[in-house]
Amino acid sequence: MSSESTINPEEMSLDELRTEIRDIDRDIVELIARRTYVADTIAQVKASKDLPTTDEKQEEVVMDRAGENAERFDVDANLVKAIFRLLIELNKVEQRENR
């Protein structure tokens, strides 16, 4: 994602812009995969320590951080928080299934 400093969208063709979106989409999926892997590792640690799957305090920290990051990058905070809610719920479902 460091390529954003070299991109001038006004000088790009529609195909080039679509290629850029494709690359960004791939990066997003890669980051979701990385996040899921770490969340799975957290689930293993929780299971080994007999901790509950849900940690509402930590979820609140994650949601607050998501909102702050959204504001930092001038993205709609409600949209970003909705995406993070979905990611958290998906991770919790996986954690429950793997216990």
Protein backbone atom coordinates (compact mmCIF):
# COMPACT_ATOMS: atom_id res chain seq x y z
CA MET A 1 0.00 0.00 0.00
CA SER A 2 3.03 2.21 -0.13
CA SER A 3 2.24 2.79 -3.80
CA GLU A 4 -0.35 5.46 -2.88
CA SER A 5 2.39 8.10 -2.78
CA THR A 6 3.23 7.45 -6.46
CA ILE A 7 -0.35 7.25 -7.75
CA ASN A 8 -1.99 10.25 -9.33
CA PRO A 9 -5.54 9.06 -10.11
CA GLU A 10 -6.18 11.96 -12.48
CA GLU A 11 -3.43 10.64 -14.77
CA MET A 12 -4.61 7.00 -14.75
CA SER A 13 -6.88 5.30 -17.23
CA LEU A 14 -10.02 3.47 -16.15
CA ASP A 15 -8.25 0.13 -16.65
CA GLU A 16 -5.30 1.27 -14.55
CA LEU A 17 -7.62 2.44 -11.80
CA ARG A 18 -9.47 -0.89 -11.86
CA THR A 19 -6.14 -2.70 -11.64
CA GLU A 20 -5.26 -0.57 -8.63
CA ILE A 21 -8.60 -1.49 -6.99
CA ARG A 22 -7.95 -5.17 -7.74
CA ASP A 23 -4.54 -4.93 -6.04
CA ILE A 24 -6.02 -3.14 -3.04
CA ASP A 25 -8.77 -5.78 -2.76
CA ARG A 26 -6.10 -8.49 -2.73
CA ASP A 27 -4.23 -6.62 0.03
CA ILE A 28 -7.45 -6.34 2.06
CA VAL A 29 -8.07 -10.08 1.80
CA GLU A 30 -4.46 -10.80 2.75
CA LEU A 31 -4.81 -8.59 5.82
CA ILE A 32 -8.07 -10.33 6.79
CA ALA A 33 -6.27 -13.67 6.50
CA ARG A 34 -3.42 -12.41 8.69
CA ARG A 35 -5.88 -11.05 11.25
CA THR A 36 -7.80 -14.33 11.27
CA TYR A 37 -4.60 -16.30 11.82
CA VAL A 38 -3.67 -14.14 14.82
CA ALA A 39 -7.23 -14.36 16.17
CA ASP A 40 -7.06 -18.16 15.88
CA THR A 41 -3.81 -18.11 17.85
CA ILE A 42 -5.48 -15.95 20.50
CA ALA A 43 -8.31 -18.50 20.65
CA GLN A 44 -5.78 -21.27 21.30
CA VAL A 45 -4.22 -19.27 24.13
CA LYS A 46 -7.67 -18.57 25.60
CA ALA A 47 -8.59 -22.26 25.41
CA SER A 48 -5.33 -23.36 27.04
CA LYS A 49 -5.92 -20.91 29.90
CA ASP A 50 -9.63 -21.75 30.11
CA LEU A 51 -10.59 -18.16 29.32
CA PRO A 52 -13.97 -17.25 27.80
CA THR A 53 -14.24 -16.76 24.04
CA THR A 54 -15.80 -13.31 24.41
CA ASP A 55 -13.86 -10.42 25.94
CA GLU A 56 -16.19 -7.43 25.77
CA LYS A 57 -13.55 -5.04 27.13
CA GLN A 58 -11.12 -6.01 24.37
CA GLU A 59 -13.85 -5.78 21.74
CA GLU A 60 -14.56 -2.23 22.90
CA VAL A 61 -10.85 -1.38 22.59
CA VAL A 62 -10.82 -2.78 19.04
CA MET A 63 -13.95 -0.83 18.08
CA ASP A 64 -12.58 2.41 19.54
CA ARG A 65 -9.32 1.89 17.67
CA ALA A 66 -11.23 1.20 14.43
CA GLY A 67 -13.13 4.46 14.83
CA GLU A 68 -9.93 6.40 15.53
CA ASN A 69 -8.23 4.88 12.49
CA ALA A 70 -11.25 5.70 10.34
CA GLU A 71 -11.07 9.34 11.40
CA ARG A 72 -7.31 9.38 10.82
CA PHE A 73 -7.80 8.24 7.22
CA ASP A 74 -10.98 10.27 6.67
CA VAL A 75 -13.18 7.20 6.20
CA ASP A 76 -16.74 6.85 7.53
CA ALA A 77 -16.30 5.59 11.11
CA ASN A 78 -19.68 3.81 11.13
CA LEU A 79 -18.73 1.83 8.03
CA VAL A 80 -15.33 0.87 9.45
CA LYS A 81 -16.88 -0.14 12.78
CA ALA A 82 -19.47 -2.27 10.97
CA ILE A 83 -16.68 -4.09 9.14
CA PHE A 84 -14.83 -4.67 12.40
CA ARG A 85 -17.99 -5.91 14.12
CA LEU A 86 -18.30 -8.47 11.34
CA LEU A 87 -14.64 -9.51 11.67
CA ILE A 88 -15.00 -9.90 15.44
CA GLU A 89 -18.19 -11.95 15.13
CA LEU A 90 -16.62 -14.22 12.52
CA ASN A 91 -13.62 -14.79 14.78
CA LYS A 92 -15.87 -15.58 17.75
CA VAL A 93 -17.86 -18.11 15.72
CA GLU A 94 -14.62 -19.81 14.67
CA GLN A 95 -13.34 -19.79 18.23
CA ARG A 96 -16.53 -21.42 19.50
CA GLU A 97 -16.46 -24.06 16.75
CA ASN A 98 -12.84 -24.97 17.52
CA ARG A 99 -13.34 -25.46 21.24
